[in-house]
Each structure stands twice: as C-alpha cells, then as structure tokens.
Amino acid sequence: MDNEISPTTENPITEKTSLLRTPVRESSALIRFTVILVSVVTVFAVLDYAQNFFGPVLAAFVLGIVLSPVSRLWMRLNLRPALAALATLVIVLLALATIVLVLEPYVSQALDRAPMIWREFREAIEGARQMLQGLDEISKDVAASVDPETPREAASEGSMNMPSASDALFYAPQVLGQVMIFAGTLYFFLLVRVEVYSWIGASLKKLTEHDFEFAEQQVARYVLTITSINLVFGCLVAGAMQLFGMPAPIFWGMLAFLLNFILYLGPIVMGFTLLVTGLVVFDGPISVAPAALYMCMNMMEGQFVTPAFVGQQMKVSPLLVFLSLVFWLWLWGPLGGIIALPLMIWLITIAEASLGQTISSGIPGKE
C-alpha cells in the first residue's frame, strides 16, 4: 500500500509543460501589444505627413455623417442617389461660399489695417509697461549698454510682414486641390454610404448596418444641437458688441459662432482678439470690457446651456473630450479641432456596438 501513487499526484511532464506555456503566452501578448502600438504610431505618422490629403478626406467623411438626415430626406422623397448626393454637395458648397463672402470684407479690412492695429497694440502694451515702476526705461538702458544695435533691431521687429499677392498665388493651387478632394470625397461618400454600411454589416459579425446608422444619428443630433446653441450665442455676441460700439458687430457674431465649435481654444482666440481690438478702439478700462463680457457669456454657455441640452443626450468623459481635442489640434490644427468631437462620438458609438458595453461615460460597462 505504501508503494501506491495517489490519484491526486500531478504528472511531472504535464506540470513542466504548463510551466513552459506561461512564458510563451506572455511573449505572445507582448508581441501583439507591440504590433498594435507600432501600427497606431504608423497610422498617426502617415496622417501627419499626408495632412493635405487625409485632412479633406476625413473632413468630408465627418460632414457626410453629419448630413445623414439630409440624405435620408432625399431617400424619403424618392430622389435618385446620384442626384441626391449632388444636391447635398451643392448645398454644402453654397453654404461655405456664403460664409466666405460674408467674412471676406471684414477680413480684407482687418488685413489692410493690421500694421496700424499692431502698432497701436504695441503702444498700449508699452504704456502698460511704463506704469510698472519704470521697468521699461531700465530694460532699454540695460539693452543699450549691452548692445547698441538693439533699438534699431527692435524697430525692425515692430514691422509686420503681410502676405503678398505672390504668396496667395503660391498657395492657391494647394487650396484648390484640397477643395476638390473634399468635394469629391463628400459626393461619393453620400452616393455609396448605404452600400458601404451594408457591406461592412455583412462582413463583420458584431456590427450591422443599423449600428452605423445609429452612430450617424448620434453625431447628427450632437452637431445640430451645438450648431443651434452656437448660432444663438453668435447673435447675442453680435448684439453685445453693437451695444459696446465695437466696429463690425456682425463679424464678431459670426466669428464667435465659428470659433465656438472648437472647444477651449476657440474661446481663447476669440477673447484675445477682442482684447486686442478693444485696446485699439477704446481708451481706459472700457477697452477690456468687450473681452471680459464675451468670456463671461462663454462661461455661462459652456457651464449651463450646453450641458442642459447635450448632457442628457450623451455622456462623454471630460478627460476623453479634452485628450481627443488636444490630440487633433496638435495633429491638424483648427481642422482637427473641428472634427475631433464628431469623430470621437462616432467612434464611441461604433465601439459600444462592437463591444456590447457602454463606454460613453468613460468607464466601460458603467452608465
């Protein structure tokens, strides 16, 4: 009986094999993680390098998702797909052309007056510096004693190099090419979006055509709500600038409407522009009043109005919003700031449908 082997005793060969499998599994997981990381970095590097191509393409894709209610309206009216896509494209191009034509006189006037505005702004800054216990005079004396050429260099730095006609001609083909890429991508995406969704739904097990349509509805609802809020906000800003006596109040209203689509950075740019203009147009403490009033209005809109209308529809982690916005601003500048949130909402909705759990709150599996 003492020589019998207990049935619970493990086979030494099996135990050794199980120990060998653990490093293999860990190595496989590490290789998989490395491949995914390298792939993601490669994709972002390509997006950065080929911005002139991928920027218009991705902007057209996002805009096509936003315009999905218009596409469904054409379908309900039994309009042919090619004609429906062309009609939507014409509406988009007319809207963009209208915005450019409305803003062009104000932008041209600002460019013509830019040297004078810059000079007056520098004079205002110099006056503020002279109020700080004569630090400006001390710095000039020290600079003159160190380098006698400093005043002449400072005078040369005060001039602004405005873009010339040759610069505009140089960039015209590039801009025209991006517009053509944008228009072509938008047209063909609107033309075949239903077929693309059907093909993806038939190819993937966890995603269906209805999931992509629901993602479109989420993005379109968000953009429509934000556009309505920004439109009212722009009208209020234009009225406030009219009461202050600021030049071109319509321009300030449209600028507030457009920049409010770019969270965080847009209001900062708008506030700084109002501050510079206020220092040039007004004298005394009232010169900072337009910028201060705008920042107060923007704070109220961001803290109370937008959460009341958007927060109940979709809950997105503020950290996720901030990181997405910062990343796309860093990658593509203002264009990235505009497409960051709609693209993030679309990706989150698709990921929720694929994973079968809620991640909108920033915590997977939790509402």
Foldseek 3Di string as FASTA:
>chain_A
DVPDDDPPDDDPVVVVVVVVVVVVVVVVVVVVVVVVVVVVVVVLVVCLVPVLQVLLLVLLVLVLLLCVVQLVVCVVVVHALLVSLVVVLVVVVVVVVVVCVVCVVVVVVCLVCVLVLLVLLVVLVVVVVCVPVNPVVVVVVVVCVVPVCVVVVVVVVSGDDGDDPVNCVVCVVSVVVSVVSNSVSNSVCSSCVQVVQCVVQVVDDLDHSVLLNVLSVLLNLLVVVLLVLLLVLLVVLLVVCVVLVQPPSNNLSVLSSVLVLQPPVSLVVSLVVQLSSLSNPDDDPCSNVSSVVSVVSVVCCVPPVCCVRPVVVFAAAPVVLVVQQVVQCVRNNPSRSNCRVSVVSSVQSSVCSRVVFHCRNVDTNDD
